[in-house]
Amino acid sequence: MEYSPILVTVLIFVFGLILVYFVWRNVSNKKVVNAVIPSHDTILKVLTEDVKFFTKLNQEQQNTFVDRVEYFLKTTKISAEKGAKITDEHRVLVAASATIPLFHFNSWSYENLDEVLIYPEVFNEKYNTQEDERKILGMVGDGAMHRKMILSLPALLAGFQQNSNNNTAIHEFVHLIDKADGEVDGVPEYLIPKELINPWLKEMHETISLIRRDKSDIRDYAATNQAEFLAVVSEYFFQKPKQLKEDHPELYELLDEIYSDKKDLK
């Protein structure tokens, strides 16, 4: 039996849609690597006491947040390295840091991350925690460290202290989100609508210029490059949203669009 070219084209298109649908549906079905995780009560206690983002959610949203924290803990290794001693509280804070940037998206998963390594102190580019000139608080690994993230324990905890402007763990998870499209370039294509890319780049470059001329209160590190700009201002957005909205309304509105609950991942 011969099929018309039009029918063949239609069948291929439909099959492609079905394939994409099931592949996308399975994106968030990562393999369970931790059979035992902190108890539900422990997770809820840590989130309630230490995570301001969580306390501002309504009850339904809080239930969802806890579910996603549990999912992250089940599917991502969190390992103590170089003599670090970590507790369930620390593990929950790592998972909360992962959950916050993608919370308003129904389909989500860090497919490019297998393990988070916790170091006892800041470290250098050779992953050394003892030598001088150590200033790295966290990083997303490459090469032999591909699919791994490193966080210093003091930086993780500092990010959740009251009135903290910075959050290293959120910063690094934003880098992972940025990296998901293949380029760490400050333009997270999985989150940002196409029509928003040019306005975002314009605002980014204008703000970086102000920072470099000491005419902005956003910390200097944001002017390092586009990737660091996105990560730094995302910290600001999640840590101090009201202040960001007052001081930088245009930047706030763009970040609100990027991280908003008005759309799902596409």
Protein backbone atom coordinates (compact mmCIF):
# COMPACT_ATOMS: atom_id res chain seq x y z
CA MET A 1 0.00 0.00 0.00
CA GLU A 2 1.34 3.43 -0.91
CA TYR A 3 0.73 6.49 1.22
CA SER A 4 0.49 10.02 -0.13
CA PRO A 5 3.36 12.40 0.72
CA ILE A 6 0.97 14.60 2.68
CA LEU A 7 -0.22 11.68 4.81
CA VAL A 8 3.36 10.59 5.48
CA THR A 9 4.27 14.13 6.54
CA VAL A 10 1.28 14.32 8.87
CA LEU A 11 2.12 10.94 10.44
CA ILE A 12 5.73 11.96 11.01
CA PHE A 13 4.62 15.23 12.59
CA VAL A 14 2.13 13.50 14.91
CA PHE A 15 4.70 10.88 15.89
CA GLY A 16 7.17 13.67 16.65
CA LEU A 17 4.68 15.41 18.92
CA ILE A 18 3.96 12.18 20.78
CA LEU A 19 7.68 11.51 21.20
CA VAL A 20 8.36 15.04 22.49
CA TYR A 21 5.41 14.73 24.86
CA PHE A 22 6.65 11.55 26.48
CA VAL A 23 10.28 12.66 26.57
CA TRP A 24 9.22 15.89 28.27
CA ARG A 25 6.93 14.06 30.67
CA ASN A 26 9.89 11.92 31.73
CA VAL A 27 12.30 14.83 32.21
CA SER A 28 11.44 15.08 35.90
CA ASN A 29 11.62 11.34 36.56
CA LYS A 30 15.21 11.16 37.73
CA LYS A 31 16.57 8.01 39.31
CA VAL A 32 16.24 7.75 43.10
CA VAL A 33 19.75 7.67 44.59
CA ASN A 34 18.93 8.30 48.25
CA ALA A 35 16.43 5.88 49.75
CA VAL A 36 16.64 7.62 53.13
CA ILE A 37 16.21 11.39 53.36
CA PRO A 38 15.44 13.78 56.24
CA SER A 39 11.99 13.26 57.72
CA HIS A 40 9.04 15.34 56.57
CA ASP A 41 8.94 17.02 59.99
CA THR A 42 12.64 17.90 59.81
CA ILE A 43 12.25 19.36 56.32
CA LEU A 44 9.25 21.42 57.39
CA LYS A 45 11.05 22.66 60.51
CA VAL A 46 14.15 23.81 58.59
CA LEU A 47 12.11 25.49 55.87
CA THR A 48 9.89 27.26 58.39
CA GLU A 49 12.77 28.48 60.54
CA ASP A 50 15.42 29.30 57.93
CA VAL A 51 13.92 29.85 54.47
CA LYS A 52 12.12 33.18 54.12
CA PHE A 53 10.96 32.37 50.58
CA PHE A 54 9.07 29.37 51.96
CA THR A 55 7.36 31.26 54.78
CA LYS A 56 5.80 33.71 52.32
CA LEU A 57 4.00 30.96 50.38
CA ASN A 58 0.41 29.91 51.03
CA GLN A 59 -0.35 26.46 52.42
CA GLU A 60 -0.84 24.80 49.04
CA GLN A 61 2.39 26.30 47.72
CA GLN A 62 4.25 25.22 50.84
CA ASN A 63 3.06 21.64 50.34
CA THR A 64 4.37 21.76 46.77
CA PHE A 65 7.67 23.25 47.92
CA VAL A 66 8.16 20.44 50.45
CA ASP A 67 7.37 17.83 47.78
CA ARG A 68 10.01 19.31 45.49
CA VAL A 69 12.60 19.48 48.26
CA GLU A 70 11.95 15.81 48.97
CA TYR A 71 12.27 15.00 45.26
CA PHE A 72 15.62 16.79 45.05
CA LEU A 73 16.91 15.00 48.14
CA LYS A 74 15.89 11.62 46.74
CA THR A 75 17.45 12.16 43.31
CA THR A 76 20.62 14.14 44.05
CA LYS A 77 23.59 13.07 46.14
CA ILE A 78 24.76 15.59 48.74
CA SER A 79 28.21 14.58 49.94
CA ALA A 80 30.57 15.92 52.61
CA GLU A 81 34.11 16.36 51.29
CA LYS A 82 37.51 17.33 52.71
CA GLY A 83 36.45 16.80 56.31
CA ALA A 84 33.18 18.70 56.17
CA LYS A 85 30.49 17.58 58.58
CA ILE A 86 26.96 18.03 57.30
CA THR A 87 23.58 17.56 58.91
CA ASP A 88 20.02 17.08 57.70
CA GLU A 89 19.56 20.84 58.07
CA HIS A 90 22.37 21.47 55.60
CA ARG A 91 20.91 18.97 53.13
CA VAL A 92 17.50 20.64 53.32
CA LEU A 93 19.05 24.07 52.71
CA VAL A 94 20.79 22.77 49.60
CA ALA A 95 17.50 21.34 48.33
CA ALA A 96 15.67 24.58 49.14
CA SER A 97 18.28 26.54 47.17
CA ALA A 98 17.61 24.28 44.18
CA THR A 99 13.85 24.59 44.52
CA ILE A 100 13.54 28.37 44.83
CA PRO A 101 14.58 29.49 41.31
CA LEU A 102 12.36 26.96 39.52
CA PHE A 103 9.49 26.87 41.99
CA HIS A 104 6.95 28.58 39.74
CA PHE A 105 7.38 26.04 36.94
CA ASN A 106 5.33 22.85 36.89
CA SER A 107 7.86 20.79 34.93
CA TRP A 108 11.31 21.11 36.39
CA SER A 109 14.39 19.07 37.15
CA TYR A 110 18.15 19.63 37.25
CA GLU A 111 18.98 17.08 34.59
CA ASN A 112 22.56 18.40 34.44
CA LEU A 113 23.33 17.69 38.13
CA ASP A 114 24.07 14.41 39.91
CA GLU A 115 25.85 15.48 43.09
CA VAL A 116 26.46 18.46 45.36
CA LEU A 117 29.79 18.39 47.20
CA ILE A 118 30.01 20.29 50.48
CA TYR A 119 33.44 21.64 51.45
CA PRO A 120 34.22 22.83 55.00
CA GLU A 121 35.71 26.15 53.86
CA VAL A 122 36.17 28.38 50.84
CA PHE A 123 38.46 26.89 48.20
CA ASN A 124 40.62 27.76 45.21
CA GLU A 125 40.51 26.75 41.55
CA LYS A 126 42.40 23.55 42.38
CA TYR A 127 39.68 22.64 44.92
CA ASN A 128 42.13 23.19 47.79
CA THR A 129 40.74 24.36 51.13
CA GLN A 130 44.09 24.85 52.88
CA GLU A 131 46.27 26.99 50.60
CA ASP A 132 46.34 30.79 50.54
CA GLU A 133 44.39 32.80 47.98
CA ARG A 134 41.19 30.87 48.57
CA LYS A 135 38.09 32.86 47.68
CA ILE A 136 35.67 30.56 45.85
CA LEU A 137 32.40 30.09 47.75
CA GLY A 138 30.75 27.77 45.25
CA MET A 139 31.01 26.59 41.67
CA VAL A 140 29.44 24.43 38.99
CA GLY A 141 31.96 21.83 37.90
CA ASP A 142 33.37 21.13 34.46
CA GLY A 143 35.63 18.44 33.06
CA ALA A 144 36.18 15.76 35.70
CA MET A 145 33.69 17.61 37.90
CA HIS A 146 30.97 17.61 35.22
CA ARG A 147 27.44 17.22 36.66
CA LYS A 148 28.70 18.24 40.10
CA MET A 149 28.35 21.39 42.16
CA ILE A 150 30.63 22.47 45.00
CA LEU A 151 29.45 24.63 47.89
CA SER A 152 31.39 25.79 50.92
CA LEU A 153 29.41 25.09 54.07
CA PRO A 154 29.88 28.58 55.60
CA ALA A 155 28.61 30.18 52.38
CA LEU A 156 25.59 27.87 52.27
CA LEU A 157 24.62 28.81 55.82
CA ALA A 158 25.33 32.52 55.35
CA GLY A 159 22.86 32.67 52.48
CA PHE A 160 19.99 31.84 54.83
CA GLN A 161 20.91 34.17 57.65
CA GLN A 162 18.39 36.89 58.37
CA ASN A 163 18.79 39.98 56.17
CA SER A 164 21.38 38.32 53.95
CA ASN A 165 21.62 39.93 50.50
CA ASN A 166 23.61 37.08 48.99
CA ASN A 167 22.94 33.37 48.60
CA THR A 168 25.78 31.35 47.09
CA ALA A 169 23.73 28.18 46.66
CA ILE A 170 20.95 29.94 44.74
CA HIS A 171 23.66 31.68 42.70
CA GLU A 172 25.14 28.33 41.62
CA PHE A 173 21.76 26.77 40.82
CA VAL A 174 21.01 29.76 38.58
CA HIS A 175 24.26 28.98 36.75
CA LEU A 176 22.97 25.43 36.25
CA ILE A 177 19.71 26.76 34.84
CA ASP A 178 21.68 29.08 32.55
CA LYS A 179 23.89 26.15 31.49
CA ALA A 180 20.95 23.92 30.54
CA ASP A 181 20.70 25.38 27.02
CA GLY A 182 24.38 24.63 26.39
CA GLU A 183 25.79 28.09 27.08
CA VAL A 184 26.45 29.86 30.37
CA ASP A 185 25.77 33.30 28.94
CA GLY A 186 23.28 35.02 31.21
CA VAL A 187 20.37 34.22 28.91
CA PRO A 188 18.48 31.19 30.31
CA GLU A 189 16.66 30.15 27.16
CA TYR A 190 14.56 27.53 28.97
CA LEU A 191 13.02 30.27 31.10
CA ILE A 192 13.10 33.50 29.16
CA PRO A 193 10.47 34.15 26.46
CA LYS A 194 12.05 35.01 23.10
CA GLU A 195 10.43 38.43 23.04
CA LEU A 196 12.11 39.23 26.35
CA ILE A 197 15.69 38.41 25.28
CA ASN A 198 16.52 41.79 23.73
CA PRO A 199 15.01 43.87 26.56
CA TRP A 200 16.85 41.65 29.05
CA LEU A 201 20.19 42.08 27.25
CA LYS A 202 19.65 45.85 27.04
CA GLU A 203 18.88 46.17 30.75
CA MET A 204 21.76 43.84 31.61
CA HIS A 205 24.34 45.83 29.63
CA GLU A 206 23.09 49.17 30.94
CA THR A 207 23.24 47.95 34.54
CA ILE A 208 26.69 46.39 34.09
CA SER A 209 27.89 49.74 32.74
CA LEU A 210 26.50 51.52 35.82
CA ILE A 211 28.16 49.01 38.15
CA ARG A 212 31.54 49.47 36.45
CA ARG A 213 31.19 53.25 36.86
CA ASP A 214 30.28 52.90 40.57
CA LYS A 215 26.77 54.18 39.92
CA SER A 216 24.84 51.14 41.13
CA ASP A 217 24.33 49.50 44.52
CA ILE A 218 24.42 46.02 42.92
CA ARG A 219 27.67 44.38 43.97
CA ASP A 220 30.66 44.61 41.64
CA TYR A 221 30.85 40.87 40.93
CA ALA A 222 27.70 41.18 38.81
CA ALA A 223 29.74 43.13 36.26
CA THR A 224 32.20 40.27 35.71
CA ASN A 225 30.23 38.93 32.73
CA GLN A 226 26.66 38.21 31.64
CA ALA A 227 26.49 34.85 33.44
CA GLU A 228 27.55 36.35 36.76
CA PHE A 229 25.15 39.24 36.26
CA LEU A 230 22.21 36.87 35.95
CA ALA A 231 23.30 34.85 38.99
CA VAL A 232 23.93 37.88 41.21
CA VAL A 233 20.74 39.76 40.40
CA SER A 234 18.76 36.50 40.79
CA GLU A 235 20.13 36.24 44.33
CA TYR A 236 18.95 39.79 44.89
CA PHE A 237 15.54 38.99 43.37
CA PHE A 238 14.93 36.03 45.67
CA GLN A 239 16.57 37.45 48.79
CA LYS A 240 15.32 41.05 48.72
CA PRO A 241 12.50 41.32 46.15
CA LYS A 242 10.83 44.41 47.64
CA GLN A 243 14.11 46.29 47.81
CA LEU A 244 15.01 45.30 44.25
CA LYS A 245 11.60 46.45 43.04
CA GLU A 246 12.05 49.83 44.72
CA ASP A 247 15.65 50.40 43.65
CA HIS A 248 15.63 48.76 40.21
CA PRO A 249 12.02 48.49 38.96
CA GLU A 250 12.88 47.67 35.33
CA LEU A 251 15.30 44.94 36.36
CA TYR A 252 12.78 43.57 38.83
CA GLU A 253 10.02 43.40 36.21
CA LEU A 254 12.24 41.49 33.79
CA LEU A 255 13.32 38.99 36.44
CA ASP A 256 9.71 38.59 37.51
CA GLU A 257 8.85 37.66 33.92
CA ILE A 258 11.76 35.22 33.71
CA TYR A 259 10.92 33.46 36.97
CA SER A 260 7.16 34.03 36.92
CA ASP A 261 4.35 31.51 37.32
CA LYS A 262 2.58 32.89 34.24
CA LYS A 263 4.09 30.20 32.05
CA ASP A 264 5.50 26.71 32.22
CA LEU A 265 8.88 25.61 30.90
CA LYS A 266 8.90 25.46 27.09
